[in-house]
Amino acid sequence: MERLRSSPLHANISTALDKHLEVIRVVQSRRKDEIVNASNRQRQGAPRCQDDRDVFALALAIKEMSVSTRKARTTLWCALQMTLPK
């Protein structure tokens, strides 16, 4: 869109997209932690009730990603509206 406009987009657009990418990385990290911890517990024979902390952390990260996705979509829509010819 910046190329189509021949000028940079508003700084808030880049900030929102950077934040969205950061939130995605957090979700990836939480998922990786959950997998590693689950496999470690399975090897040790620990009870499954301890899995809750990992699942709750992942659920919270997914919730934040959902909010961030909505903001990113809105931001991209605004950028598109600014890019289209009048």
PDB file of N, CA and C in Angstrom:
ATOM      1  N   MET A   1       0.821  -1.188   0.000  1.00  0.00           N
ATOM      2  CA  MET A   1       0.000   0.000   0.000  1.00  0.00           C
ATOM      3  C   MET A   1       0.865   1.250   0.000  1.00  0.00           C
ATOM      4  N   GLU A   2       2.011   1.157   0.672  1.00  0.00           N
ATOM      5  CA  GLU A   2       2.914   2.308   0.651  1.00  0.00           C
ATOM      6  C   GLU A   2       3.410   2.577  -0.760  1.00  0.00           C
ATOM      7  N   ARG A   3       3.677   1.521  -1.501  1.00  0.00           N
ATOM      8  CA  ARG A   3       4.128   1.707  -2.886  1.00  0.00           C
ATOM      9  C   ARG A   3       3.036   2.317  -3.740  1.00  0.00           C
ATOM     10  N   LEU A   4       1.798   1.898  -3.544  1.00  0.00           N
ATOM     11  CA  LEU A   4       0.683   2.455  -4.309  1.00  0.00           C
ATOM     12  C   LEU A   4       0.479   3.937  -3.998  1.00  0.00           C
ATOM     13  N   ARG A   5       0.677   4.288  -2.753  1.00  0.00           N
ATOM     14  CA  ARG A   5       0.495   5.689  -2.345  1.00  0.00           C
ATOM     15  C   ARG A   5       1.708   6.536  -2.670  1.00  0.00           C
ATOM     16  N   SER A   6       2.843   5.910  -2.844  1.00  0.00           N
ATOM     17  CA  SER A   6       4.117   6.610  -3.044  1.00  0.00           C
ATOM     18  C   SER A   6       4.479   7.471  -1.838  1.00  0.00           C
ATOM     19  N   SER A   7       3.987   7.070  -0.702  1.00  0.00           N
ATOM     20  CA  SER A   7       4.336   7.748   0.555  1.00  0.00           C
ATOM     21  C   SER A   7       4.104   6.775   1.704  1.00  0.00           C
ATOM     22  N   PRO A   8       4.788   6.998   2.816  1.00  0.00           N
ATOM     23  CA  PRO A   8       4.612   6.080   3.952  1.00  0.00           C
ATOM     24  C   PRO A   8       3.228   6.211   4.575  1.00  0.00           C
ATOM     25  N   LEU A   9       2.780   5.129   5.150  1.00  0.00           N
ATOM     26  CA  LEU A   9       1.504   5.138   5.863  1.00  0.00           C
ATOM     27  C   LEU A   9       1.693   5.739   7.245  1.00  0.00           C
ATOM     28  N   HIS A  10       0.617   5.996   7.914  1.00  0.00           N
ATOM     29  CA  HIS A  10       0.658   6.567   9.261  1.00  0.00           C
ATOM     30  C   HIS A  10       1.419   5.634  10.199  1.00  0.00           C
ATOM     31  N   ALA A  11       2.095   6.192  11.163  1.00  0.00           N
ATOM     32  CA  ALA A  11       2.915   5.410  12.094  1.00  0.00           C
ATOM     33  C   ALA A  11       2.084   4.423  12.910  1.00  0.00           C
ATOM     34  N   ASN A  12       0.833   4.755  13.196  1.00  0.00           N
ATOM     35  CA  ASN A  12      -0.021   3.855  13.972  1.00  0.00           C
ATOM     36  C   ASN A  12      -0.280   2.539  13.235  1.00  0.00           C
ATOM     37  N   ILE A  13      -0.263   2.580  11.924  1.00  0.00           N
ATOM     38  CA  ILE A  13      -0.483   1.367  11.139  1.00  0.00           C
ATOM     39  C   ILE A  13       0.677   0.402  11.343  1.00  0.00           C
ATOM     40  N   SER A  14       1.883   0.899  11.248  1.00  0.00           N
ATOM     41  CA  SER A  14       3.053   0.054  11.469  1.00  0.00           C
ATOM     42  C   SER A  14       3.093  -0.458  12.901  1.00  0.00           C
ATOM     43  N   THR A  15       2.731   0.378  13.843  1.00  0.00           N
ATOM     44  CA  THR A  15       2.722  -0.016  15.248  1.00  0.00           C
ATOM     45  C   THR A  15       1.728  -1.140  15.494  1.00  0.00           C
ATOM     46  N   ALA A  16       0.535  -1.027  14.929  1.00  0.00           N
ATOM     47  CA  ALA A  16      -0.494  -2.058  15.112  1.00  0.00           C
ATOM     48  C   ALA A  16      -0.049  -3.386  14.508  1.00  0.00           C
ATOM     49  N   LEU A  17       0.575  -3.337  13.341  1.00  0.00           N
ATOM     50  CA  LEU A  17       1.036  -4.569  12.702  1.00  0.00           C
ATOM     51  C   LEU A  17       2.205  -5.192  13.462  1.00  0.00           C
ATOM     52  N   ASP A  18       3.084  -4.358  13.988  1.00  0.00           N
ATOM     53  CA  ASP A  18       4.191  -4.877  14.808  1.00  0.00           C
ATOM     54  C   ASP A  18       3.660  -5.530  16.084  1.00  0.00           C
ATOM     55  N   LYS A  19       2.671  -4.906  16.703  1.00  0.00           N
ATOM     56  CA  LYS A  19       2.062  -5.459  17.910  1.00  0.00           C
ATOM     57  C   LYS A  19       1.400  -6.805  17.602  1.00  0.00           C
ATOM     58  N   HIS A  20       0.731  -6.887  16.465  1.00  0.00           N
ATOM     59  CA  HIS A  20       0.082  -8.133  16.064  1.00  0.00           C
ATOM     60  C   HIS A  20       1.111  -9.254  15.884  1.00  0.00           C
ATOM     61  N   LEU A  21       2.210  -8.939  15.252  1.00  0.00           N
ATOM     62  CA  LEU A  21       3.271  -9.930  15.069  1.00  0.00           C
ATOM     63  C   LEU A  21       3.837 -10.376  16.416  1.00  0.00           C
ATOM     64  N   GLU A  22       3.993  -9.442  17.333  1.00  0.00           N
ATOM     65  CA  GLU A  22       4.493  -9.769  18.669  1.00  0.00           C
ATOM     66  C   GLU A  22       3.532 -10.714  19.401  1.00  0.00           C
ATOM     67  N   VAL A  23       2.247 -10.446  19.296  1.00  0.00           N
ATOM     68  CA  VAL A  23       1.243 -11.284  19.947  1.00  0.00           C
ATOM     69  C   VAL A  23       1.241 -12.687  19.338  1.00  0.00           C
ATOM     70  N   ILE A  24       1.421 -12.787  18.033  1.00  0.00           N
ATOM     71  CA  ILE A  24       1.500 -14.098  17.373  1.00  0.00           C
ATOM     72  C   ILE A  24       2.689 -14.881  17.911  1.00  0.00           C
ATOM     73  N   ARG A  25       3.796 -14.216  18.081  1.00  0.00           N
ATOM     74  CA  ARG A  25       4.980 -14.896  18.618  1.00  0.00           C
ATOM     75  C   ARG A  25       4.757 -15.373  20.052  1.00  0.00           C
ATOM     76  N   VAL A  26       4.002 -14.609  20.838  1.00  0.00           N
ATOM     77  CA  VAL A  26       3.687 -15.023  22.208  1.00  0.00           C
ATOM     78  C   VAL A  26       2.842 -16.297  22.175  1.00  0.00           C
ATOM     79  N   VAL A  27       1.854 -16.342  21.285  1.00  0.00           N
ATOM     80  CA  VAL A  27       1.012 -17.536  21.167  1.00  0.00           C
ATOM     81  C   VAL A  27       1.872 -18.737  20.769  1.00  0.00           C
ATOM     82  N   GLN A  28       2.770 -18.544  19.827  1.00  0.00           N
ATOM     83  CA  GLN A  28       3.653 -19.630  19.417  1.00  0.00           C
ATOM     84  C   GLN A  28       4.498 -20.118  20.596  1.00  0.00           C
ATOM     85  N   SER A  29       4.997 -19.197  21.369  1.00  0.00           N
ATOM     86  CA  SER A  29       5.815 -19.551  22.523  1.00  0.00           C
ATOM     87  C   SER A  29       5.007 -20.318  23.561  1.00  0.00           C
ATOM     88  N   ARG A  30       3.786 -19.853  23.845  1.00  0.00           N
ATOM     89  CA  ARG A  30       2.931 -20.536  24.827  1.00  0.00           C
ATOM     90  C   ARG A  30       2.584 -21.943  24.359  1.00  0.00           C
ATOM     91  N   ARG A  31       2.327 -22.083  23.078  1.00  0.00           N
ATOM     92  CA  ARG A  31       2.001 -23.404  22.531  1.00  0.00           C
ATOM     93  C   ARG A  31       3.207 -24.339  22.640  1.00  0.00           C
ATOM     94  N   LYS A  32       4.374 -23.809  22.329  1.00  0.00           N
ATOM     95  CA  LYS A  32       5.592 -24.612  22.439  1.00  0.00           C
ATOM     96  C   LYS A  32       5.820 -25.043  23.883  1.00  0.00           C
ATOM     97  N   ASP A  33       5.625 -24.109  24.829  1.00  0.00           N
ATOM     98  CA  ASP A  33       5.772 -24.440  26.255  1.00  0.00           C
ATOM     99  C   ASP A  33       4.795 -25.532  26.667  1.00  0.00           C
ATOM    100  N   GLU A  34       3.567 -25.418  26.181  1.00  0.00           N
ATOM    101  CA  GLU A  34       2.553 -26.416  26.523  1.00  0.00           C
ATOM    102  C   GLU A  34       2.956 -27.802  26.009  1.00  0.00           C
ATOM    103  N   ILE A  35       3.443 -27.868  24.790  1.00  0.00           N
ATOM    104  CA  ILE A  35       3.842 -29.152  24.211  1.00  0.00           C
ATOM    105  C   ILE A  35       5.019 -29.748  24.972  1.00  0.00           C
ATOM    106  N   VAL A  36       6.028 -28.926  25.251  1.00  0.00           N
ATOM    107  CA  VAL A  36       7.212 -29.413  25.972  1.00  0.00           C
ATOM    108  C   VAL A  36       6.838 -29.895  27.366  1.00  0.00           C
ATOM    109  N   ASN A  37       6.063 -29.107  28.076  1.00  0.00           N
ATOM    110  CA  ASN A  37       5.680 -29.481  29.442  1.00  0.00           C
ATOM    111  C   ASN A  37       4.785 -30.714  29.455  1.00  0.00           C
ATOM    112  N   ALA A  38       3.896 -30.838  28.483  1.00  0.00           N
ATOM    113  CA  ALA A  38       3.029 -32.015  28.422  1.00  0.00           C
ATOM    114  C   ALA A  38       3.840 -33.274  28.155  1.00  0.00           C
ATOM    115  N   SER A  39       4.812 -33.174  27.260  1.00  0.00           N
ATOM    116  CA  SER A  39       5.627 -34.360  26.972  1.00  0.00           C
ATOM    117  C   SER A  39       6.511 -34.718  28.168  1.00  0.00           C
ATOM    118  N   ASN A  40       7.007 -33.715  28.887  1.00  0.00           N
ATOM    119  CA  ASN A  40       7.807 -33.987  30.091  1.00  0.00           C
ATOM    120  C   ASN A  40       6.965 -34.649  31.175  1.00  0.00           C
ATOM    121  N   ARG A  41       5.749 -34.168  31.363  1.00  0.00           N
ATOM    122  CA  ARG A  41       4.870 -34.749  32.374  1.00  0.00           C
ATOM    123  C   ARG A  41       4.486 -36.182  32.010  1.00  0.00           C
ATOM    124  N   GLN A  42       4.283 -36.409  30.727  1.00  0.00           N
ATOM    125  CA  GLN A  42       3.907 -37.752  30.284  1.00  0.00           C
ATOM    126  C   GLN A  42       5.036 -38.746  30.570  1.00  0.00           C
ATOM    127  N   ARG A  43       6.264 -38.305  30.353  1.00  0.00           N
ATOM    128  CA  ARG A  43       7.415 -39.169  30.641  1.00  0.00           C
ATOM    129  C   ARG A  43       7.533 -39.463  32.131  1.00  0.00           C
ATOM    130  N   GLN A  44       7.226 -38.459  32.947  1.00  0.00           N
ATOM    131  CA  GLN A  44       7.384 -38.608  34.397  1.00  0.00           C
ATOM    132  C   GLN A  44       6.172 -39.253  35.045  1.00  0.00           C
ATOM    133  N   GLY A  45       5.072 -39.342  34.319  1.00  0.00           N
ATOM    134  CA  GLY A  45       3.858 -39.937  34.882  1.00  0.00           C
ATOM    135  C   GLY A  45       3.137 -39.027  35.849  1.00  0.00           C
ATOM    136  N   ALA A  46       3.320 -37.721  35.720  1.00  0.00           N
ATOM    137  CA  ALA A  46       2.665 -36.756  36.615  1.00  0.00           C
ATOM    138  C   ALA A  46       1.173 -36.681  36.292  1.00  0.00           C
ATOM    139  N   PRO A  47       0.360 -36.288  37.265  1.00  0.00           N
ATOM    140  CA  PRO A  47      -1.081 -36.158  37.013  1.00  0.00           C
ATOM    141  C   PRO A  47      -1.376 -35.049  36.001  1.00  0.00           C
ATOM    142  N   ARG A  48      -2.471 -35.208  35.283  1.00  0.00           N
ATOM    143  CA  ARG A  48      -2.818 -34.265  34.220  1.00  0.00           C
ATOM    144  C   ARG A  48      -3.329 -32.930  34.739  1.00  0.00           C
ATOM    145  N   CYS A  49      -3.748 -32.834  35.960  1.00  0.00           N
ATOM    146  CA  CYS A  49      -4.327 -31.596  36.481  1.00  0.00           C
ATOM    147  C   CYS A  49      -3.316 -30.449  36.491  1.00  0.00           C
ATOM    148  N   GLN A  50      -2.039 -30.741  36.416  1.00  0.00           N
ATOM    149  CA  GLN A  50      -1.028 -29.681  36.390  1.00  0.00           C
ATOM    150  C   GLN A  50      -0.936 -29.017  35.018  1.00  0.00           C
ATOM    151  N   ASP A  51      -1.595 -29.599  34.015  1.00  0.00           N
ATOM    152  CA  ASP A  51      -1.581 -29.020  32.672  1.00  0.00           C
ATOM    153  C   ASP A  51      -2.349 -27.707  32.608  1.00  0.00           C
ATOM    154  N   ASP A  52      -3.159 -27.434  33.610  1.00  0.00           N
ATOM    155  CA  ASP A  52      -4.048 -26.281  33.565  1.00  0.00           C
ATOM    156  C   ASP A  52      -3.307 -24.959  33.388  1.00  0.00           C
ATOM    157  N   ARG A  53      -2.174 -24.787  34.039  1.00  0.00           N
ATOM    158  CA  ARG A  53      -1.450 -23.511  33.936  1.00  0.00           C
ATOM    159  C   ARG A  53      -1.024 -23.234  32.503  1.00  0.00           C
ATOM    160  N   ASP A  54      -0.522 -24.248  31.828  1.00  0.00           N
ATOM    161  CA  ASP A  54      -0.104 -24.070  30.436  1.00  0.00           C
ATOM    162  C   ASP A  54      -1.297 -23.765  29.536  1.00  0.00           C
ATOM    163  N   VAL A  55      -2.380 -24.470  29.766  1.00  0.00           N
ATOM    164  CA  VAL A  55      -3.582 -24.271  28.954  1.00  0.00           C
ATOM    165  C   VAL A  55      -4.153 -22.874  29.187  1.00  0.00           C
ATOM    166  N   PHE A  56      -4.185 -22.428  30.434  1.00  0.00           N
ATOM    167  CA  PHE A  56      -4.702 -21.090  30.736  1.00  0.00           C
ATOM    168  C   PHE A  56      -3.816 -20.004  30.124  1.00  0.00           C
ATOM    169  N   ALA A  57      -2.510 -20.190  30.174  1.00  0.00           N
ATOM    170  CA  ALA A  57      -1.601 -19.212  29.569  1.00  0.00           C
ATOM    171  C   ALA A  57      -1.802 -19.169  28.061  1.00  0.00           C
ATOM    172  N   LEU A  58      -1.983 -20.328  27.451  1.00  0.00           N
ATOM    173  CA  LEU A  58      -2.234 -20.374  26.009  1.00  0.00           C
ATOM    174  C   LEU A  58      -3.575 -19.734  25.669  1.00  0.00           C
ATOM    175  N   ALA A  59      -4.585 -20.012  26.463  1.00  0.00           N
ATOM    176  CA  ALA A  59      -5.910 -19.429  26.225  1.00  0.00           C
ATOM    177  C   ALA A  59      -5.869 -17.910  26.328  1.00  0.00           C
ATOM    178  N   LEU A  60      -5.162 -17.400  27.308  1.00  0.00           N
ATOM    179  CA  LEU A  60      -5.037 -15.950  27.449  1.00  0.00           C
ATOM    180  C   LEU A  60      -4.298 -15.346  26.256  1.00  0.00           C
ATOM    181  N   ALA A  61      -3.252 -16.017  25.805  1.00  0.00           N
ATOM    182  CA  ALA A  61      -2.500 -15.522  24.644  1.00  0.00           C
ATOM    183  C   ALA A  61      -3.368 -15.537  23.398  1.00  0.00           C
ATOM    184  N   ILE A  62      -4.196 -16.562  23.236  1.00  0.00           N
ATOM    185  CA  ILE A  62      -5.095 -16.626  22.070  1.00  0.00           C
ATOM    186  C   ILE A  62      -6.145 -15.529  22.152  1.00  0.00           C
ATOM    187  N   LYS A  63      -6.629 -15.251  23.350  1.00  0.00           N
ATOM    188  CA  LYS A  63      -7.598 -14.158  23.523  1.00  0.00           C
ATOM    189  C   LYS A  63      -6.970 -12.822  23.108  1.00  0.00           C
ATOM    190  N   GLU A  64      -5.739 -12.585  23.546  1.00  0.00           N
ATOM    191  CA  GLU A  64      -5.040 -11.355  23.163  1.00  0.00           C
ATOM    192  C   GLU A  64      -4.799 -11.307  21.659  1.00  0.00           C
ATOM    193  N   MET A  65      -4.521 -12.464  21.058  1.00  0.00           N
ATOM    194  CA  MET A  65      -4.312 -12.506  19.618  1.00  0.00           C
ATOM    195  C   MET A  65      -5.608 -12.190  18.871  1.00  0.00           C
ATOM    196  N   SER A  66      -6.726 -12.632  19.410  1.00  0.00           N
ATOM    197  CA  SER A  66      -8.010 -12.335  18.792  1.00  0.00           C
ATOM    198  C   SER A  66      -8.276 -10.827  18.771  1.00  0.00           C
ATOM    199  N   VAL A  67      -8.017 -10.186  19.889  1.00  0.00           N
ATOM    200  CA  VAL A  67      -8.187  -8.728  19.962  1.00  0.00           C
ATOM    201  C   VAL A  67      -7.225  -8.034  19.005  1.00  0.00           C
ATOM    202  N   SER A  68      -5.991  -8.478  19.002  1.00  0.00           N
ATOM    203  CA  SER A  68      -4.974  -7.888  18.129  1.00  0.00           C
ATOM    204  C   SER A  68      -5.313  -8.090  16.655  1.00  0.00           C
ATOM    205  N   THR A  69      -5.882  -9.246  16.324  1.00  0.00           N
ATOM    206  CA  THR A  69      -6.264  -9.520  14.931  1.00  0.00           C
ATOM    207  C   THR A  69      -7.350  -8.566  14.475  1.00  0.00           C
ATOM    208  N   ARG A  70      -8.329  -8.321  15.332  1.00  0.00           N
ATOM    209  CA  ARG A  70      -9.380  -7.367  14.978  1.00  0.00           C
ATOM    210  C   ARG A  70      -8.811  -5.970  14.758  1.00  0.00           C
ATOM    211  N   LYS A  71      -7.889  -5.562  15.617  1.00  0.00           N
ATOM    212  CA  LYS A  71      -7.274  -4.244  15.458  1.00  0.00           C
ATOM    213  C   LYS A  71      -6.447  -4.174  14.182  1.00  0.00           C
ATOM    214  N   ALA A  72      -5.721  -5.244  13.884  1.00  0.00           N
ATOM    215  CA  ALA A  72      -4.897  -5.260  12.675  1.00  0.00           C
ATOM    216  C   ALA A  72      -5.772  -5.217  11.428  1.00  0.00           C
ATOM    217  N   ARG A  73      -6.872  -5.949  11.442  1.00  0.00           N
ATOM    218  CA  ARG A  73      -7.776  -5.921  10.291  1.00  0.00           C
ATOM    219  C   ARG A  73      -8.358  -4.528  10.087  1.00  0.00           C
ATOM    220  N   THR A  74      -8.757  -3.891  11.167  1.00  0.00           N
ATOM    221  CA  THR A  74      -9.293  -2.533  11.068  1.00  0.00           C
ATOM    222  C   THR A  74      -8.223  -1.569  10.557  1.00  0.00           C
ATOM    223  N   THR A  75      -7.023  -1.728  11.058  1.00  0.00           N
ATOM    224  CA  THR A  75      -5.916  -0.872  10.643  1.00  0.00           C
ATOM    225  C   THR A  75      -5.631  -1.039   9.158  1.00  0.00           C
ATOM    226  N   LEU A  76      -5.611  -2.284   8.702  1.00  0.00           N
ATOM    227  CA  LEU A  76      -5.355  -2.539   7.280  1.00  0.00           C
ATOM    228  C   LEU A  76      -6.489  -2.010   6.408  1.00  0.00           C
ATOM    229  N   TRP A  77      -7.721  -2.092   6.903  1.00  0.00           N
ATOM    230  CA  TRP A  77      -8.842  -1.544   6.154  1.00  0.00           C
ATOM    231  C   TRP A  77      -8.689  -0.027   6.023  1.00  0.00           C
ATOM    232  N   CYS A  78      -8.309   0.630   7.110  1.00  0.00           N
ATOM    233  CA  CYS A  78      -8.080   2.087   7.058  1.00  0.00           C
ATOM    234  C   CYS A  78      -6.961   2.422   6.091  1.00  0.00           C
ATOM    235  N   ALA A  79      -5.894   1.650   6.109  1.00  0.00           N
ATOM    236  CA  ALA A  79      -4.775   1.887   5.191  1.00  0.00           C
ATOM    237  C   ALA A  79      -5.240   1.716   3.751  1.00  0.00           C
ATOM    238  N   LEU A  80      -6.072   0.724   3.506  1.00  0.00           N
ATOM    239  CA  LEU A  80      -6.589   0.519   2.153  1.00  0.00           C
ATOM    240  C   LEU A  80      -7.454   1.703   1.726  1.00  0.00           C
ATOM    241  N   GLN A  81      -8.293   2.189   2.635  1.00  0.00           N
ATOM    242  CA  GLN A  81      -9.150   3.334   2.299  1.00  0.00           C
ATOM    243  C   GLN A  81      -8.315   4.575   1.979  1.00  0.00           C
ATOM    244  N   MET A  82      -7.204   4.736   2.684  1.00  0.00           N
ATOM    245  CA  MET A  82      -6.321   5.884   2.404  1.00  0.00           C
ATOM    246  C   MET A  82      -5.578   5.690   1.082  1.00  0.00           C
ATOM    247  N   THR A  83      -5.401   4.447   0.668  1.00  0.00           N
ATOM    248  CA  THR A  83      -4.631   4.139  -0.531  1.00  0.00           C
ATOM    249  C   THR A  83      -5.473   4.276  -1.793  1.00  0.00           C
ATOM    250  N   LEU A  84      -6.749   3.915  -1.697  1.00  0.00           N
ATOM    251  CA  LEU A  84      -7.607   3.944  -2.880  1.00  0.00           C
ATOM    252  C   LEU A  84      -7.768   5.372  -3.400  1.00  0.00           C
ATOM    253  N   PRO A  85      -7.852   5.482  -4.730  1.00  0.00           N
ATOM    254  CA  PRO A  85      -8.059   6.834  -5.285  1.00  0.00           C
ATOM    255  C   PRO A  85      -9.443   7.354  -4.920  1.00  0.00           C
ATOM    256  N   LYS A  86      -9.530   8.655  -4.822  1.00  0.00           N
ATOM    257  CA  LYS A  86     -10.808   9.270  -4.411  1.00  0.00           C
ATOM    258  C   LYS A  86     -11.720   9.454  -5.592  1.00  0.00           C
TER     259      LYS A  86
END
